[in-house]
């Protein structure tokens, strides 16, 4: 089996199994001999604490390695997904205007 296709689907399923990861934003896979290397950027809620983020990522890494024992190297990067098609807010909706 190559480092694509079924691997990617299995990894994404394992990552999304935890309710805290809302989306896999990006994923890169590579083979080095018998070792599968996984790199993924995952969407987490912006209000999580660093301790919560660390716990969520450790649990996700374990789920990936349980699903694919050949995934010996797993790098997960937390991020907050922004819809590229969403209209950004206007400056006036974010910044309070002065009266002077």
C-alpha atoms as a PDB file:
ATOM      1  CA  UNK A   1       0.000   0.000   0.000  1.00  0.00           C
ATOM      2  CA  UNK A   2       1.350   3.462  -0.869  1.00  0.00           C
ATOM      3  CA  UNK A   3       1.420   6.443   1.488  1.00  0.00           C
ATOM      4  CA  UNK A   4      -1.762   7.806  -0.079  1.00  0.00           C
ATOM      5  CA  UNK A   5      -5.377   6.784  -0.579  1.00  0.00           C
ATOM      6  CA  UNK A   6      -6.343   4.315   2.118  1.00  0.00           C
ATOM      7  CA  UNK A   7      -3.702   5.648   4.513  1.00  0.00           C
ATOM      8  CA  UNK A   8      -5.027   9.194   4.199  1.00  0.00           C
ATOM      9  CA  UNK A   9      -8.626   8.116   4.769  1.00  0.00           C
ATOM     10  CA  UNK A  10      -7.673   5.993   7.789  1.00  0.00           C
ATOM     11  CA  UNK A  11      -5.598   8.803   9.306  1.00  0.00           C
ATOM     12  CA  UNK A  12      -8.306  11.412   8.785  1.00  0.00           C
ATOM     13  CA  UNK A  13     -10.892   9.102  10.355  1.00  0.00           C
ATOM     14  CA  UNK A  14      -8.639   8.536  13.388  1.00  0.00           C
ATOM     15  CA  UNK A  15      -7.996  12.273  13.789  1.00  0.00           C
ATOM     16  CA  UNK A  16     -11.685  13.187  13.562  1.00  0.00           C
ATOM     17  CA  UNK A  17     -12.712  10.436  15.987  1.00  0.00           C
ATOM     18  CA  UNK A  18     -12.017  12.843  18.835  1.00  0.00           C
ATOM     19  CA  UNK A  19     -14.726  15.484  19.094  1.00  0.00           C
ATOM     20  CA  UNK A  20     -12.186  18.273  19.646  1.00  0.00           C
ATOM     21  CA  UNK A  21     -10.635  18.093  16.164  1.00  0.00           C
ATOM     22  CA  UNK A  22     -13.193  19.662  13.878  1.00  0.00           C
ATOM     23  CA  UNK A  23     -11.416  19.309  10.543  1.00  0.00           C
ATOM     24  CA  UNK A  24      -8.157  18.179   8.972  1.00  0.00           C
ATOM     25  CA  UNK A  25      -6.966  21.324   7.216  1.00  0.00           C
ATOM     26  CA  UNK A  26      -3.943  19.806   5.518  1.00  0.00           C
ATOM     27  CA  UNK A  27      -2.159  16.458   5.550  1.00  0.00           C
ATOM     28  CA  UNK A  28       1.191  15.289   4.199  1.00  0.00           C
ATOM     29  CA  UNK A  29       2.303  11.660   4.090  1.00  0.00           C
ATOM     30  CA  UNK A  30       5.675  10.139   3.275  1.00  0.00           C
ATOM     31  CA  UNK A  31       7.333   6.734   3.460  1.00  0.00           C
ATOM     32  CA  UNK A  32      10.815   6.155   4.794  1.00  0.00           C
ATOM     33  CA  UNK A  33      11.462   2.451   4.450  1.00  0.00           C
ATOM     34  CA  UNK A  34       8.784   0.713   6.507  1.00  0.00           C
ATOM     35  CA  UNK A  35       7.967   3.894   8.419  1.00  0.00           C
ATOM     36  CA  UNK A  36       5.018   6.108   7.542  1.00  0.00           C
ATOM     37  CA  UNK A  37       5.561   9.786   8.345  1.00  0.00           C
ATOM     38  CA  UNK A  38       2.399  11.809   8.953  1.00  0.00           C
ATOM     39  CA  UNK A  39       2.141  15.575   9.140  1.00  0.00           C
ATOM     40  CA  UNK A  40      -1.242  17.212   9.606  1.00  0.00           C
ATOM     41  CA  UNK A  41      -2.671  20.611  10.426  1.00  0.00           C
ATOM     42  CA  UNK A  42      -5.886  20.233  12.419  1.00  0.00           C
ATOM     43  CA  UNK A  43      -8.655  22.677  13.293  1.00  0.00           C
ATOM     44  CA  UNK A  44      -9.198  23.270  17.007  1.00  0.00           C
ATOM     45  CA  UNK A  45     -11.359  25.778  18.848  1.00  0.00           C
ATOM     46  CA  UNK A  46      -9.495  29.053  19.393  1.00  0.00           C
ATOM     47  CA  UNK A  47     -10.493  29.271  23.063  1.00  0.00           C
ATOM     48  CA  UNK A  48      -8.732  26.048  24.133  1.00  0.00           C
ATOM     49  CA  UNK A  49      -5.896  26.320  26.642  1.00  0.00           C
ATOM     50  CA  UNK A  50      -2.401  25.150  25.756  1.00  0.00           C
ATOM     51  CA  UNK A  51      -2.805  22.206  28.140  1.00  0.00           C
ATOM     52  CA  UNK A  52      -6.046  21.187  26.403  1.00  0.00           C
ATOM     53  CA  UNK A  53      -4.418  21.503  22.963  1.00  0.00           C
ATOM     54  CA  UNK A  54      -1.483  19.335  24.076  1.00  0.00           C
ATOM     55  CA  UNK A  55      -3.810  16.650  25.441  1.00  0.00           C
ATOM     56  CA  UNK A  56      -5.992  16.646  22.310  1.00  0.00           C
ATOM     57  CA  UNK A  57      -2.952  16.319  20.015  1.00  0.00           C
ATOM     58  CA  UNK A  58      -1.392  13.530  22.096  1.00  0.00           C
ATOM     59  CA  UNK A  59      -4.666  11.563  22.045  1.00  0.00           C
ATOM     60  CA  UNK A  60      -5.002  12.121  18.287  1.00  0.00           C
ATOM     61  CA  UNK A  61      -1.437  10.936  17.683  1.00  0.00           C
ATOM     62  CA  UNK A  62      -2.154   7.766  19.666  1.00  0.00           C
ATOM     63  CA  UNK A  63      -5.337   7.121  17.651  1.00  0.00           C
ATOM     64  CA  UNK A  64      -3.408   7.460  14.379  1.00  0.00           C
ATOM     65  CA  UNK A  65      -0.685   5.086  15.593  1.00  0.00           C
ATOM     66  CA  UNK A  66      -3.262   2.552  16.793  1.00  0.00           C
ATOM     67  CA  UNK A  67      -5.034   2.661  13.426  1.00  0.00           C
ATOM     68  CA  UNK A  68      -1.741   2.464  11.476  1.00  0.00           C
ATOM     69  CA  UNK A  69       1.151   0.990  13.474  1.00  0.00           C
ATOM     70  CA  UNK A  70       3.513   1.847  10.599  1.00  0.00           C
ATOM     71  CA  UNK A  71       2.859   5.557  11.323  1.00  0.00           C
ATOM     72  CA  UNK A  72       5.821   5.800  13.668  1.00  0.00           C
ATOM     73  CA  UNK A  73       6.345   9.544  13.138  1.00  0.00           C
ATOM     74  CA  UNK A  74       3.280  11.772  13.554  1.00  0.00           C
ATOM     75  CA  UNK A  75       3.487  15.559  13.627  1.00  0.00           C
ATOM     76  CA  UNK A  76       0.266  17.446  14.367  1.00  0.00           C
ATOM     77  CA  UNK A  77      -0.027  21.215  14.117  1.00  0.00           C
ATOM     78  CA  UNK A  78      -2.957  22.966  15.798  1.00  0.00           C
ATOM     79  CA  UNK A  79      -4.670  25.739  13.864  1.00  0.00           C
ATOM     80  CA  UNK A  80      -7.987  27.542  13.564  1.00  0.00           C
ATOM     81  CA  UNK A  81      -9.636  27.038  10.178  1.00  0.00           C
ATOM     82  CA  UNK A  82     -10.796  30.172   8.400  1.00  0.00           C
ATOM     83  CA  UNK A  83     -13.204  29.745   5.517  1.00  0.00           C
ATOM     84  CA  UNK A  84     -11.422  31.239   2.483  1.00  0.00           C
ATOM     85  CA  UNK A  85     -14.807  32.020   0.911  1.00  0.00           C
ATOM     86  CA  UNK A  86     -16.146  33.925   3.936  1.00  0.00           C
ATOM     87  CA  UNK A  87     -16.450  37.681   3.714  1.00  0.00           C
ATOM     88  CA  UNK A  88     -13.997  39.246   6.160  1.00  0.00           C
ATOM     89  CA  UNK A  89     -15.478  41.671   8.685  1.00  0.00           C
ATOM     90  CA  UNK A  90     -15.129  45.375   8.033  1.00  0.00           C
ATOM     91  CA  UNK A  91     -12.617  47.351  10.056  1.00  0.00           C
ATOM     92  CA  UNK A  92     -15.421  49.374  11.640  1.00  0.00           C
ATOM     93  CA  UNK A  93     -16.992  46.194  13.025  1.00  0.00           C
ATOM     94  CA  UNK A  94     -13.754  45.404  14.881  1.00  0.00           C
ATOM     95  CA  UNK A  95     -12.266  48.811  15.746  1.00  0.00           C
ATOM     96  CA  UNK A  96     -14.030  51.351  17.937  1.00  0.00           C
ATOM     97  CA  UNK A  97     -13.920  54.706  16.192  1.00  0.00           C
ATOM     98  CA  UNK A  98     -12.838  57.759  18.164  1.00  0.00           C
ATOM     99  CA  UNK A  99     -14.982  60.855  18.466  1.00  0.00           C
ATOM    100  CA  UNK A 100     -12.180  63.378  18.014  1.00  0.00           C
END
